[in-house]
């Protein structure tokens, strides 16, 4: 791959992350009773979430799955760490969403322009 193209792609990824464009999927796994409290926080923030009973390597766990705006991650992860410092969570990029319950995203003029270039979001 030509170095100019690689550098350009790298800058696009850095800019996208800094602008907090898009949504991510969070998977949160708890072993104590904090699963319901974390799910209630997400729902109070107008995020849809699903909570499942699951079996982990060390026994029963609660797994919470939620799609969230990337720019809300610091607040959400801070709440998880305050509610249950031992909770495990992973965050992954989402390319496409068909349906769901989503928090309305506040847009400033620059990110609004970027979103208009990307086209309408599926809701």
PDB file of N, CA and C in Angstrom:
ATOM      1  N   UNK A   1       0.856  -1.169   0.000  1.00  0.00           N
ATOM      2  CA  UNK A   1       0.000   0.000   0.000  1.00  0.00           C
ATOM      3  C   UNK A   1       0.904   1.236   0.000  1.00  0.00           C
ATOM      4  N   UNK A   2       0.647   2.192  -0.866  1.00  0.00           N
ATOM      5  CA  UNK A   2       1.465   3.406  -0.889  1.00  0.00           C
ATOM      6  C   UNK A   2       1.407   4.122   0.458  1.00  0.00           C
ATOM      7  N   UNK A   3       2.537   4.696   0.858  1.00  0.00           N
ATOM      8  CA  UNK A   3       2.609   5.327   2.176  1.00  0.00           C
ATOM      9  C   UNK A   3       1.658   6.513   2.299  1.00  0.00           C
ATOM     10  N   UNK A   4       1.418   7.249   1.212  1.00  0.00           N
ATOM     11  CA  UNK A   4       0.481   8.384   1.261  1.00  0.00           C
ATOM     12  C   UNK A   4      -0.932   7.938   1.580  1.00  0.00           C
ATOM     13  N   UNK A   5      -1.354   6.832   0.981  1.00  0.00           N
ATOM     14  CA  UNK A   5      -2.691   6.301   1.246  1.00  0.00           C
ATOM     15  C   UNK A   5      -2.800   5.828   2.690  1.00  0.00           C
ATOM     16  N   UNK A   6      -1.770   5.148   3.154  1.00  0.00           N
ATOM     17  CA  UNK A   6      -1.768   4.671   4.535  1.00  0.00           C
ATOM     18  C   UNK A   6      -1.827   5.842   5.515  1.00  0.00           C
ATOM     19  N   UNK A   7      -1.060   6.875   5.255  1.00  0.00           N
ATOM     20  CA  UNK A   7      -1.073   8.051   6.118  1.00  0.00           C
ATOM     21  C   UNK A   7      -2.446   8.724   6.091  1.00  0.00           C
ATOM     22  N   UNK A   8      -3.049   8.821   4.906  1.00  0.00           N
ATOM     23  CA  UNK A   8      -4.378   9.414   4.789  1.00  0.00           C
ATOM     24  C   UNK A   8      -5.425   8.639   5.559  1.00  0.00           C
ATOM     25  N   UNK A   9      -5.391   7.311   5.449  1.00  0.00           N
ATOM     26  CA  UNK A   9      -6.346   6.473   6.180  1.00  0.00           C
ATOM     27  C   UNK A   9      -6.147   6.600   7.686  1.00  0.00           C
ATOM     28  N   UNK A  10      -4.904   6.674   8.094  1.00  0.00           N
ATOM     29  CA  UNK A  10      -4.611   6.824   9.516  1.00  0.00           C
ATOM     30  C   UNK A  10      -5.188   8.136  10.036  1.00  0.00           C
ATOM     31  N   UNK A  11      -5.020   9.223   9.292  1.00  0.00           N
ATOM     32  CA  UNK A  11      -5.561  10.511   9.711  1.00  0.00           C
ATOM     33  C   UNK A  11      -7.079  10.486   9.774  1.00  0.00           C
ATOM     34  N   UNK A  12      -7.713   9.826   8.810  1.00  0.00           N
ATOM     35  CA  UNK A  12      -9.177   9.728   8.826  1.00  0.00           C
ATOM     36  C   UNK A  12      -9.640   9.023  10.093  1.00  0.00           C
ATOM     37  N   UNK A  13      -8.973   7.938  10.468  1.00  0.00           N
ATOM     38  CA  UNK A  13      -9.356   7.204  11.679  1.00  0.00           C
ATOM     39  C   UNK A  13      -9.130   8.045  12.932  1.00  0.00           C
ATOM     40  N   UNK A  14      -8.029   8.766  12.982  1.00  0.00           N
ATOM     41  CA  UNK A  14      -7.745   9.625  14.136  1.00  0.00           C
ATOM     42  C   UNK A  14      -8.787  10.733  14.235  1.00  0.00           C
ATOM     43  N   UNK A  15      -9.104  11.372  13.120  1.00  0.00           N
ATOM     44  CA  UNK A  15     -10.089  12.460  13.119  1.00  0.00           C
ATOM     45  C   UNK A  15     -11.458  11.933  13.521  1.00  0.00           C
ATOM     46  N   UNK A  16     -11.841  10.772  12.987  1.00  0.00           N
ATOM     47  CA  UNK A  16     -13.147  10.199  13.335  1.00  0.00           C
ATOM     48  C   UNK A  16     -13.242   9.953  14.828  1.00  0.00           C
ATOM     49  N   UNK A  17     -12.183   9.409  15.424  1.00  0.00           N
ATOM     50  CA  UNK A  17     -12.230   9.137  16.855  1.00  0.00           C
ATOM     51  C   UNK A  17     -12.259  10.431  17.657  1.00  0.00           C
ATOM     52  N   UNK A  18     -11.500  11.431  17.254  1.00  0.00           N
ATOM     53  CA  UNK A  18     -11.470  12.705  17.978  1.00  0.00           C
ATOM     54  C   UNK A  18     -12.809  13.436  17.875  1.00  0.00           C
ATOM     55  N   UNK A  19     -13.487  13.324  16.732  1.00  0.00           N
ATOM     56  CA  UNK A  19     -14.786  13.968  16.555  1.00  0.00           C
ATOM     57  C   UNK A  19     -15.919  13.178  17.197  1.00  0.00           C
ATOM     58  N   UNK A  20     -15.629  11.967  17.639  1.00  0.00           N
ATOM     59  CA  UNK A  20     -16.621  11.089  18.272  1.00  0.00           C
ATOM     60  C   UNK A  20     -17.802  10.822  17.350  1.00  0.00           C
ATOM     61  N   UNK A  21     -17.505  10.521  16.102  1.00  0.00           N
ATOM     62  CA  UNK A  21     -18.557  10.239  15.144  1.00  0.00           C
ATOM     63  C   UNK A  21     -18.965   8.778  15.263  1.00  0.00           C
ATOM     64  N   UNK A  22     -20.257   8.533  15.270  1.00  0.00           N
ATOM     65  CA  UNK A  22     -20.749   7.173  15.176  1.00  0.00           C
ATOM     66  C   UNK A  22     -21.159   6.561  16.499  1.00  0.00           C
ATOM     67  N   UNK A  23     -21.493   5.300  16.377  1.00  0.00           N
ATOM     68  CA  UNK A  23     -21.967   4.530  17.519  1.00  0.00           C
ATOM     69  C   UNK A  23     -21.035   3.363  17.766  1.00  0.00           C
ATOM     70  N   UNK A  24     -21.066   2.892  18.992  1.00  0.00           N
ATOM     71  CA  UNK A  24     -20.299   1.714  19.371  1.00  0.00           C
ATOM     72  C   UNK A  24     -21.228   0.772  20.134  1.00  0.00           C
ATOM     73  N   UNK A  25     -20.856  -0.491  20.154  1.00  0.00           N
ATOM     74  CA  UNK A  25     -21.592  -1.452  20.956  1.00  0.00           C
ATOM     75  C   UNK A  25     -20.779  -1.728  22.211  1.00  0.00           C
ATOM     76  N   UNK A  26     -21.461  -1.676  23.339  1.00  0.00           N
ATOM     77  CA  UNK A  26     -20.828  -2.001  24.611  1.00  0.00           C
ATOM     78  C   UNK A  26     -21.369  -3.327  25.104  1.00  0.00           C
ATOM     79  N   UNK A  27     -20.457  -4.170  25.547  1.00  0.00           N
ATOM     80  CA  UNK A  27     -20.824  -5.406  26.232  1.00  0.00           C
ATOM     81  C   UNK A  27     -20.258  -5.300  27.636  1.00  0.00           C
ATOM     82  N   UNK A  28     -21.141  -5.313  28.607  1.00  0.00           N
ATOM     83  CA  UNK A  28     -20.749  -5.124  30.005  1.00  0.00           C
ATOM     84  C   UNK A  28     -21.097  -6.399  30.756  1.00  0.00           C
ATOM     85  N   UNK A  29     -20.125  -6.947  31.473  1.00  0.00           N
ATOM     86  CA  UNK A  29     -20.338  -8.197  32.200  1.00  0.00           C
ATOM     87  C   UNK A  29     -20.059  -7.946  33.676  1.00  0.00           C
ATOM     88  N   UNK A  30     -21.045  -8.280  34.506  1.00  0.00           N
ATOM     89  CA  UNK A  30     -20.906  -8.093  35.947  1.00  0.00           C
ATOM     90  C   UNK A  30     -21.176  -9.407  36.658  1.00  0.00           C
ATOM     91  N   UNK A  31     -20.529  -9.577  37.812  1.00  0.00           N
ATOM     92  CA  UNK A  31     -20.747 -10.792  38.609  1.00  0.00           C
ATOM     93  C   UNK A  31     -21.523 -10.484  39.882  1.00  0.00           C
ATOM     94  N   UNK A  32     -21.659  -9.226  40.218  1.00  0.00           N
ATOM     95  CA  UNK A  32     -22.416  -8.879  41.418  1.00  0.00           C
ATOM     96  C   UNK A  32     -23.801  -8.379  41.003  1.00  0.00           C
ATOM     97  N   UNK A  33     -24.494  -7.730  41.892  1.00  0.00           N
ATOM     98  CA  UNK A  33     -25.846  -7.265  41.596  1.00  0.00           C
ATOM     99  C   UNK A  33     -25.922  -5.937  40.866  1.00  0.00           C
ATOM    100  N   UNK A  34     -24.816  -5.452  40.333  1.00  0.00           N
ATOM    101  CA  UNK A  34     -24.807  -4.122  39.718  1.00  0.00           C
ATOM    102  C   UNK A  34     -25.342  -4.100  38.293  1.00  0.00           C
ATOM    103  N   UNK A  35     -25.622  -5.252  37.706  1.00  0.00           N
ATOM    104  CA  UNK A  35     -26.096  -5.299  36.324  1.00  0.00           C
ATOM    105  C   UNK A  35     -27.365  -4.498  36.111  1.00  0.00           C
ATOM    106  N   UNK A  36     -28.313  -4.644  37.020  1.00  0.00           N
ATOM    107  CA  UNK A  36     -29.573  -3.923  36.891  1.00  0.00           C
ATOM    108  C   UNK A  36     -29.367  -2.418  37.058  1.00  0.00           C
ATOM    109  N   UNK A  37     -28.479  -2.010  37.979  1.00  0.00           N
ATOM    110  CA  UNK A  37     -28.214  -0.580  38.182  1.00  0.00           C
ATOM    111  C   UNK A  37     -27.569   0.030  36.939  1.00  0.00           C
ATOM    112  N   UNK A  38     -26.672  -0.690  36.305  1.00  0.00           N
ATOM    113  CA  UNK A  38     -26.035  -0.185  35.086  1.00  0.00           C
ATOM    114  C   UNK A  38     -27.061  -0.091  33.970  1.00  0.00           C
ATOM    115  N   UNK A  39     -27.917  -1.095  33.842  1.00  0.00           N
ATOM    116  CA  UNK A  39     -28.948  -1.056  32.815  1.00  0.00           C
ATOM    117  C   UNK A  39     -29.918   0.094  33.062  1.00  0.00           C
ATOM    118  N   UNK A  40     -30.293   0.346  34.306  1.00  0.00           N
ATOM    119  CA  UNK A  40     -31.188   1.461  34.621  1.00  0.00           C
ATOM    120  C   UNK A  40     -30.543   2.799  34.260  1.00  0.00           C
ATOM    121  N   UNK A  41     -29.231   2.927  34.495  1.00  0.00           N
ATOM    122  CA  UNK A  41     -28.529   4.147  34.110  1.00  0.00           C
ATOM    123  C   UNK A  41     -28.599   4.349  32.601  1.00  0.00           C
ATOM    124  N   UNK A  42     -28.344   3.296  31.839  1.00  0.00           N
ATOM    125  CA  UNK A  42     -28.393   3.390  30.371  1.00  0.00           C
ATOM    126  C   UNK A  42     -29.792   3.776  29.900  1.00  0.00           C
ATOM    127  N   UNK A  43     -30.803   3.171  30.496  1.00  0.00           N
ATOM    128  CA  UNK A  43     -32.175   3.486  30.111  1.00  0.00           C
ATOM    129  C   UNK A  43     -32.543   4.918  30.500  1.00  0.00           C
ATOM    130  N   UNK A  44     -32.065   5.399  31.648  1.00  0.00           N
ATOM    131  CA  UNK A  44     -32.320   6.780  32.059  1.00  0.00           C
ATOM    132  C   UNK A  44     -31.649   7.764  31.100  1.00  0.00           C
ATOM    133  N   UNK A  45     -30.570   7.328  30.460  1.00  0.00           N
ATOM    134  CA  UNK A  45     -29.872   8.153  29.473  1.00  0.00           C
ATOM    135  C   UNK A  45     -30.458   7.975  28.063  1.00  0.00           C
ATOM    136  N   UNK A  46     -31.591   7.292  27.976  1.00  0.00           N
ATOM    137  CA  UNK A  46     -32.301   7.043  26.714  1.00  0.00           C
ATOM    138  C   UNK A  46     -31.569   6.110  25.764  1.00  0.00           C
ATOM    139  N   UNK A  47     -30.828   5.168  26.313  1.00  0.00           N
ATOM    140  CA  UNK A  47     -30.204   4.131  25.497  1.00  0.00           C
ATOM    141  C   UNK A  47     -30.961   2.831  25.716  1.00  0.00           C
ATOM    142  N   UNK A  48     -31.224   2.146  24.623  1.00  0.00           N
ATOM    143  CA  UNK A  48     -31.788   0.817  24.746  1.00  0.00           C
ATOM    144  C   UNK A  48     -30.702  -0.122  25.241  1.00  0.00           C
ATOM    145  N   UNK A  49     -31.082  -1.111  25.990  1.00  0.00           N
ATOM    146  CA  UNK A  49     -30.108  -2.099  26.459  1.00  0.00           C
ATOM    147  C   UNK A  49     -30.805  -3.425  26.667  1.00  0.00           C
ATOM    148  N   UNK A  50     -30.034  -4.460  26.557  1.00  0.00           N
ATOM    149  CA  UNK A  50     -30.533  -5.810  26.788  1.00  0.00           C
ATOM    150  C   UNK A  50     -29.673  -6.427  27.878  1.00  0.00           C
ATOM    151  N   UNK A  51     -30.303  -7.053  28.868  1.00  0.00           N
ATOM    152  CA  UNK A  51     -29.555  -7.720  29.930  1.00  0.00           C
ATOM    153  C   UNK A  51     -29.865  -9.210  29.873  1.00  0.00           C
ATOM    154  N   UNK A  52     -28.813  -9.998  29.935  1.00  0.00           N
ATOM    155  CA  UNK A  52     -28.941 -11.447  29.822  1.00  0.00           C
ATOM    156  C   UNK A  52     -28.292 -12.127  31.010  1.00  0.00           C
ATOM    157  N   UNK A  53     -28.890 -13.226  31.457  1.00  0.00           N
ATOM    158  CA  UNK A  53     -28.218 -14.102  32.407  1.00  0.00           C
ATOM    159  C   UNK A  53     -27.288 -14.986  31.601  1.00  0.00           C
ATOM    160  N   UNK A  54     -26.049 -15.114  32.048  1.00  0.00           N
ATOM    161  CA  UNK A  54     -25.069 -15.911  31.313  1.00  0.00           C
ATOM    162  C   UNK A  54     -24.178 -16.643  32.302  1.00  0.00           C
ATOM    163  N   UNK A  55     -23.405 -17.545  31.784  1.00  0.00           N
ATOM    164  CA  UNK A  55     -22.464 -18.298  32.609  1.00  0.00           C
ATOM    165  C   UNK A  55     -21.056 -17.974  32.144  1.00  0.00           C
ATOM    166  N   UNK A  56     -20.257 -17.431  33.050  1.00  0.00           N
ATOM    167  CA  UNK A  56     -18.879 -17.088  32.739  1.00  0.00           C
ATOM    168  C   UNK A  56     -17.928 -18.147  33.249  1.00  0.00           C
ATOM    169  N   UNK A  57     -16.654 -17.894  33.127  1.00  0.00           N
ATOM    170  CA  UNK A  57     -15.626 -18.844  33.560  1.00  0.00           C
ATOM    171  C   UNK A  57     -15.695 -19.119  35.054  1.00  0.00           C
ATOM    172  N   UNK A  58     -16.189 -18.147  35.821  1.00  0.00           N
ATOM    173  CA  UNK A  58     -16.243 -18.303  37.285  1.00  0.00           C
ATOM    174  C   UNK A  58     -17.662 -18.381  37.826  1.00  0.00           C
ATOM    175  N   UNK A  59     -18.628 -18.651  36.967  1.00  0.00           N
ATOM    176  CA  UNK A  59     -19.998 -18.785  37.447  1.00  0.00           C
ATOM    177  C   UNK A  59     -20.964 -17.859  36.730  1.00  0.00           C
ATOM    178  N   UNK A  60     -22.100 -17.602  37.386  1.00  0.00           N
ATOM    179  CA  UNK A  60     -23.156 -16.799  36.798  1.00  0.00           C
ATOM    180  C   UNK A  60     -22.778 -15.327  36.677  1.00  0.00           C
ATOM    181  N   UNK A  61     -23.182 -14.721  35.579  1.00  0.00           N
ATOM    182  CA  UNK A  61     -22.916 -13.307  35.315  1.00  0.00           C
ATOM    183  C   UNK A  61     -24.151 -12.682  34.663  1.00  0.00           C
ATOM    184  N   UNK A  62     -24.180 -11.366  34.658  1.00  0.00           N
ATOM    185  CA  UNK A  62     -25.152 -10.600  33.882  1.00  0.00           C
ATOM    186  C   UNK A  62     -24.390  -9.951  32.745  1.00  0.00           C
ATOM    187  N   UNK A  63     -24.926 -10.044  31.525  1.00  0.00           N
ATOM    188  CA  UNK A  63     -24.313  -9.397  30.380  1.00  0.00           C
ATOM    189  C   UNK A  63     -25.285  -8.355  29.848  1.00  0.00           C
ATOM    190  N   UNK A  64     -24.809  -7.124  29.752  1.00  0.00           N
ATOM    191  CA  UNK A  64     -25.606  -6.014  29.250  1.00  0.00           C
ATOM    192  C   UNK A  64     -25.038  -5.628  27.892  1.00  0.00           C
ATOM    193  N   UNK A  65     -25.914  -5.498  26.911  1.00  0.00           N
ATOM    194  CA  UNK A  65     -25.511  -5.108  25.562  1.00  0.00           C
ATOM    195  C   UNK A  65     -26.253  -3.815  25.227  1.00  0.00           C
ATOM    196  N   UNK A  66     -25.508  -2.820  24.749  1.00  0.00           N
ATOM    197  CA  UNK A  66     -26.132  -1.541  24.427  1.00  0.00           C
ATOM    198  C   UNK A  66     -25.354  -0.840  23.322  1.00  0.00           C
ATOM    199  N   UNK A  67     -26.073  -0.190  22.412  1.00  0.00           N
ATOM    200  CA  UNK A  67     -25.465   0.667  21.399  1.00  0.00           C
ATOM    201  C   UNK A  67     -25.493   2.091  21.921  1.00  0.00           C
ATOM    202  N   UNK A  68     -24.330   2.749  21.945  1.00  0.00           N
ATOM    203  CA  UNK A  68     -24.242   4.095  22.498  1.00  0.00           C
ATOM    204  C   UNK A  68     -23.473   5.003  21.547  1.00  0.00           C
ATOM    205  N   UNK A  69     -23.704   6.299  21.669  1.00  0.00           N
ATOM    206  CA  UNK A  69     -22.931   7.270  20.895  1.00  0.00           C
ATOM    207  C   UNK A  69     -21.499   7.282  21.408  1.00  0.00           C
ATOM    208  N   UNK A  70     -20.560   7.299  20.491  1.00  0.00           N
ATOM    209  CA  UNK A  70     -19.143   7.262  20.860  1.00  0.00           C
ATOM    210  C   UNK A  70     -18.771   8.404  21.808  1.00  0.00           C
ATOM    211  N   UNK A  71     -19.346   9.587  21.591  1.00  0.00           N
ATOM    212  CA  UNK A  71     -18.965  10.718  22.433  1.00  0.00           C
ATOM    213  C   UNK A  71     -19.516  10.627  23.849  1.00  0.00           C
ATOM    214  N   UNK A  72     -20.413   9.686  24.125  1.00  0.00           N
ATOM    215  CA  UNK A  72     -20.922   9.474  25.484  1.00  0.00           C
ATOM    216  C   UNK A  72     -20.111   8.437  26.258  1.00  0.00           C
ATOM    217  N   UNK A  73     -19.136   7.814  25.617  1.00  0.00           N
ATOM    218  CA  UNK A  73     -18.364   6.751  26.266  1.00  0.00           C
ATOM    219  C   UNK A  73     -17.698   7.173  27.571  1.00  0.00           C
ATOM    220  N   UNK A  74     -17.041   8.320  27.645  1.00  0.00           N
ATOM    221  CA  UNK A  74     -16.388   8.666  28.914  1.00  0.00           C
ATOM    222  C   UNK A  74     -17.356   8.696  30.098  1.00  0.00           C
ATOM    223  N   UNK A  75     -18.538   9.278  29.892  1.00  0.00           N
ATOM    224  CA  UNK A  75     -19.524   9.353  30.979  1.00  0.00           C
ATOM    225  C   UNK A  75     -20.055   7.965  31.343  1.00  0.00           C
ATOM    226  N   UNK A  76     -20.308   7.146  30.332  1.00  0.00           N
ATOM    227  CA  UNK A  76     -20.849   5.808  30.595  1.00  0.00           C
ATOM    228  C   UNK A  76     -19.810   4.930  31.282  1.00  0.00           C
ATOM    229  N   UNK A  77     -18.580   4.934  30.775  1.00  0.00           N
ATOM    230  CA  UNK A  77     -17.545   4.088  31.404  1.00  0.00           C
ATOM    231  C   UNK A  77     -17.247   4.576  32.823  1.00  0.00           C
ATOM    232  N   UNK A  78     -17.297   5.889  33.051  1.00  0.00           N
ATOM    233  CA  UNK A  78     -17.086   6.410  34.409  1.00  0.00           C
ATOM    234  C   UNK A  78     -18.170   5.875  35.345  1.00  0.00           C
ATOM    235  N   UNK A  79     -19.432   5.877  34.866  1.00  0.00           N
ATOM    236  CA  UNK A  79     -20.521   5.358  35.700  1.00  0.00           C
ATOM    237  C   UNK A  79     -20.321   3.862  35.993  1.00  0.00           C
ATOM    238  N   UNK A  80     -19.928   3.101  34.983  1.00  0.00           N
ATOM    239  CA  UNK A  80     -19.692   1.661  35.198  1.00  0.00           C
ATOM    240  C   UNK A  80     -18.600   1.460  36.240  1.00  0.00           C
ATOM    241  N   UNK A  81     -17.506   2.196  36.112  1.00  0.00           N
ATOM    242  CA  UNK A  81     -16.381   2.041  37.045  1.00  0.00           C
ATOM    243  C   UNK A  81     -16.752   2.486  38.460  1.00  0.00           C
ATOM    244  N   UNK A  82     -17.629   3.489  38.592  1.00  0.00           N
ATOM    245  CA  UNK A  82     -18.081   3.913  39.919  1.00  0.00           C
ATOM    246  C   UNK A  82     -19.061   2.905  40.514  1.00  0.00           C
ATOM    247  N   UNK A  83     -19.927   2.338  39.676  1.00  0.00           N
ATOM    248  CA  UNK A  83     -20.932   1.393  40.147  1.00  0.00           C
ATOM    249  C   UNK A  83     -20.314   0.037  40.479  1.00  0.00           C
ATOM    250  N   UNK A  84     -19.409  -0.422  39.610  1.00  0.00           N
ATOM    251  CA  UNK A  84     -18.757  -1.718  39.818  1.00  0.00           C
ATOM    252  C   UNK A  84     -17.348  -1.675  39.228  1.00  0.00           C
ATOM    253  N   UNK A  85     -16.357  -1.344  40.041  1.00  0.00           N
ATOM    254  CA  UNK A  85     -14.987  -1.263  39.527  1.00  0.00           C
ATOM    255  C   UNK A  85     -14.481  -2.577  38.935  1.00  0.00           C
ATOM    256  N   UNK A  86     -15.085  -3.696  39.304  1.00  0.00           N
ATOM    257  CA  UNK A  86     -14.648  -4.995  38.799  1.00  0.00           C
ATOM    258  C   UNK A  86     -15.383  -5.447  37.547  1.00  0.00           C
ATOM    259  N   UNK A  87     -16.277  -4.619  37.013  1.00  0.00           N
ATOM    260  CA  UNK A  87     -17.037  -5.008  35.825  1.00  0.00           C
ATOM    261  C   UNK A  87     -16.104  -5.089  34.616  1.00  0.00           C
ATOM    262  N   UNK A  88     -16.376  -6.059  33.767  1.00  0.00           N
ATOM    263  CA  UNK A  88     -15.641  -6.205  32.510  1.00  0.00           C
ATOM    264  C   UNK A  88     -16.509  -5.583  31.423  1.00  0.00           C
ATOM    265  N   UNK A  89     -15.896  -4.796  30.542  1.00  0.00           N
ATOM    266  CA  UNK A  89     -16.661  -4.294  29.402  1.00  0.00           C
ATOM    267  C   UNK A  89     -15.764  -4.204  28.186  1.00  0.00           C
ATOM    268  N   UNK A  90     -16.394  -4.376  27.028  1.00  0.00           N
ATOM    269  CA  UNK A  90     -15.689  -4.217  25.758  1.00  0.00           C
ATOM    270  C   UNK A  90     -16.477  -3.236  24.898  1.00  0.00           C
ATOM    271  N   UNK A  91     -15.753  -2.569  24.006  1.00  0.00           N
ATOM    272  CA  UNK A  91     -16.342  -1.551  23.140  1.00  0.00           C
ATOM    273  C   UNK A  91     -15.893  -1.849  21.715  1.00  0.00           C
ATOM    274  N   UNK A  92     -16.853  -1.893  20.797  1.00  0.00           N
ATOM    275  CA  UNK A  92     -16.548  -2.172  19.394  1.00  0.00           C
ATOM    276  C   UNK A  92     -17.271  -1.186  18.490  1.00  0.00           C
ATOM    277  N   UNK A  93     -16.639  -0.868  17.364  1.00  0.00           N
ATOM    278  CA  UNK A  93     -17.269  -0.007  16.368  1.00  0.00           C
ATOM    279  C   UNK A  93     -18.463  -0.704  15.736  1.00  0.00           C
ATOM    280  N   UNK A  94     -19.453   0.091  15.353  1.00  0.00           N
ATOM    281  CA  UNK A  94     -20.638  -0.413  14.675  1.00  0.00           C
ATOM    282  C   UNK A  94     -20.674   0.212  13.287  1.00  0.00           C
ATOM    283  N   UNK A  95     -20.819  -0.603  12.271  1.00  0.00           N
ATOM    284  CA  UNK A  95     -20.871  -0.100  10.896  1.00  0.00           C
ATOM    285  C   UNK A  95     -22.291   0.223  10.442  1.00  0.00           C
ATOM    286  N   UNK A  96     -23.256  -0.538  10.901  1.00  0.00           N
ATOM    287  CA  UNK A  96     -24.630  -0.363  10.430  1.00  0.00           C
ATOM    288  C   UNK A  96     -25.591  -0.778  11.534  1.00  0.00           C
ATOM    289  N   UNK A  97     -26.663  -0.016  11.694  1.00  0.00           N
ATOM    290  CA  UNK A  97     -27.710  -0.339  12.661  1.00  0.00           C
ATOM    291  C   UNK A  97     -29.036  -0.286  11.935  1.00  0.00           C
ATOM    292  N   UNK A  98     -29.839  -1.328  12.088  1.00  0.00           N
ATOM    293  CA  UNK A  98     -31.128  -1.394  11.408  1.00  0.00           C
ATOM    294  C   UNK A  98     -32.211  -0.682  12.210  1.00  0.00           C
ATOM    295  N   UNK A  99     -32.378  -1.052  13.468  1.00  0.00           N
ATOM    296  CA  UNK A  99     -33.436  -0.501  14.312  1.00  0.00           C
ATOM    297  C   UNK A  99     -32.932  -0.468  15.739  1.00  0.00           C
ATOM    298  N   UNK A 100     -33.665   0.212  16.593  1.00  0.00           N
ATOM    299  CA  UNK A 100     -33.307   0.207  18.003  1.00  0.00           C
ATOM    300  C   UNK A 100     -33.766   1.452  18.719  1.00  0.00           C
ATOM    301  N   UNK A 101     -33.383   1.527  19.985  1.00  0.00           N
ATOM    302  CA  UNK A 101     -33.687   2.669  20.831  1.00  0.00           C
ATOM    303  C   UNK A 101     -32.387   3.438  20.995  1.00  0.00           C
ATOM    304  N   UNK A 102     -32.359   4.688  20.493  1.00  0.00           N
ATOM    305  CA  UNK A 102     -31.130   5.467  20.497  1.00  0.00           C
ATOM    306  C   UNK A 102     -31.346   6.822  21.132  1.00  0.00           C
ATOM    307  N   UNK A 103     -30.341   7.290  21.814  1.00  0.00           N
ATOM    308  CA  UNK A 103     -30.349   8.634  22.395  1.00  0.00           C
ATOM    309  C   UNK A 103     -30.138   9.631  21.261  1.00  0.00           C
ATOM    310  N   UNK A 104     -30.918  10.705  21.219  1.00  0.00           N
ATOM    311  CA  UNK A 104     -30.676  11.729  20.201  1.00  0.00           C
ATOM    312  C   UNK A 104     -29.292  12.333  20.402  1.00  0.00           C
ATOM    313  N   UNK A 105     -28.573  12.515  19.324  1.00  0.00           N
ATOM    314  CA  UNK A 105     -27.215  13.044  19.399  1.00  0.00           C
ATOM    315  C   UNK A 105     -27.230  14.534  19.117  1.00  0.00           C
ATOM    316  N   UNK A 106     -26.593  15.306  20.012  1.00  0.00           N
ATOM    317  CA  UNK A 106     -26.436  16.740  19.789  1.00  0.00           C
ATOM    318  C   UNK A 106     -25.345  16.922  18.753  1.00  0.00           C
ATOM    319  N   UNK A 107     -25.601  17.777  17.780  1.00  0.00           N
ATOM    320  CA  UNK A 107     -24.610  18.003  16.734  1.00  0.00           C
ATOM    321  C   UNK A 107     -24.181  19.457  16.716  1.00  0.00           C
ATOM    322  N   UNK A 108     -22.873  19.662  16.639  1.00  0.00           N
ATOM    323  CA  UNK A 108     -22.397  21.011  16.403  1.00  0.00           C
ATOM    324  C   UNK A 108     -22.304  21.190  14.891  1.00  0.00           C
ATOM    325  N   UNK A 109     -22.117  22.394  14.386  1.00  0.00           N
ATOM    326  CA  UNK A 109     -22.140  22.606  12.931  1.00  0.00           C
ATOM    327  C   UNK A 109     -21.126  21.753  12.172  1.00  0.00           C
ATOM    328  N   UNK A 110     -19.926  21.569  12.739  1.00  0.00           N
ATOM    329  CA  UNK A 110     -18.913  20.806  12.010  1.00  0.00           C
ATOM    330  C   UNK A 110     -19.269  19.318  11.931  1.00  0.00           C
ATOM    331  N   UNK A 111     -19.644  18.710  13.070  1.00  0.00           N
ATOM    332  CA  UNK A 111     -19.997  17.297  13.020  1.00  0.00           C
ATOM    333  C   UNK A 111     -21.286  17.093  12.238  1.00  0.00           C
ATOM    334  N   UNK A 112     -22.198  18.092  12.270  1.00  0.00           N
ATOM    335  CA  UNK A 112     -23.403  18.001  11.450  1.00  0.00           C
ATOM    336  C   UNK A 112     -23.060  17.934   9.977  1.00  0.00           C
ATOM    337  N   UNK A 113     -22.066  18.729   9.563  1.00  0.00           N
ATOM    338  CA  UNK A 113     -21.602  18.693   8.176  1.00  0.00           C
ATOM    339  C   UNK A 113     -21.014  17.329   7.843  1.00  0.00           C
ATOM    340  N   UNK A 114     -20.202  16.779   8.737  1.00  0.00           N
ATOM    341  CA  UNK A 114     -19.597  15.461   8.513  1.00  0.00           C
ATOM    342  C   UNK A 114     -20.686  14.399   8.387  1.00  0.00           C
ATOM    343  N   UNK A 115     -21.687  14.450   9.274  1.00  0.00           N
ATOM    344  CA  UNK A 115     -22.785  13.478   9.204  1.00  0.00           C
ATOM    345  C   UNK A 115     -23.578  13.626   7.908  1.00  0.00           C
ATOM    346  N   UNK A 116     -23.739  14.858   7.415  1.00  0.00           N
ATOM    347  CA  UNK A 116     -24.483  15.048   6.167  1.00  0.00           C
ATOM    348  C   UNK A 116     -23.743  14.432   4.997  1.00  0.00           C
ATOM    349  N   UNK A 117     -22.418  14.425   5.056  1.00  0.00           N
ATOM    350  CA  UNK A 117     -21.642  13.778   4.002  1.00  0.00           C
ATOM    351  C   UNK A 117     -21.804  12.266   4.031  1.00  0.00           C
ATOM    352  N   UNK A 118     -21.951  11.726   5.253  1.00  0.00           N
ATOM    353  CA  UNK A 118     -22.081  10.278   5.400  1.00  0.00           C
ATOM    354  C   UNK A 118     -23.475   9.785   5.025  1.00  0.00           C
ATOM    355  N   UNK A 119     -24.435  10.676   4.944  1.00  0.00           N
ATOM    356  CA  UNK A 119     -25.792  10.284   4.599  1.00  0.00           C
ATOM    357  C   UNK A 119     -26.631  10.079   5.842  1.00  0.00           C
ATOM    358  N   UNK A 120     -27.934   9.871   5.675  1.00  0.00           N
ATOM    359  CA  UNK A 120     -28.827   9.726   6.826  1.00  0.00           C
ATOM    360  C   UNK A 120     -28.546   8.435   7.580  1.00  0.00           C
ATOM    361  N   UNK A 121     -28.706   8.524   8.918  1.00  0.00           N
ATOM    362  CA  UNK A 121     -28.552   7.338   9.748  1.00  0.00           C
ATOM    363  C   UNK A 121     -29.832   6.533   9.721  1.00  0.00           C
ATOM    364  N   UNK A 122     -29.685   5.235   9.731  1.00  0.00           N
ATOM    365  CA  UNK A 122     -30.851   4.357   9.836  1.00  0.00           C
ATOM    366  C   UNK A 122     -31.357   4.410  11.262  1.00  0.00           C
ATOM    367  N   UNK A 123     -32.632   4.495  11.422  1.00  0.00           N
ATOM    368  CA  UNK A 123     -33.238   4.507  12.758  1.00  0.00           C
ATOM    369  C   UNK A 123     -34.240   3.405  12.843  1.00  0.00           C
TER     370      UNK A 123
END
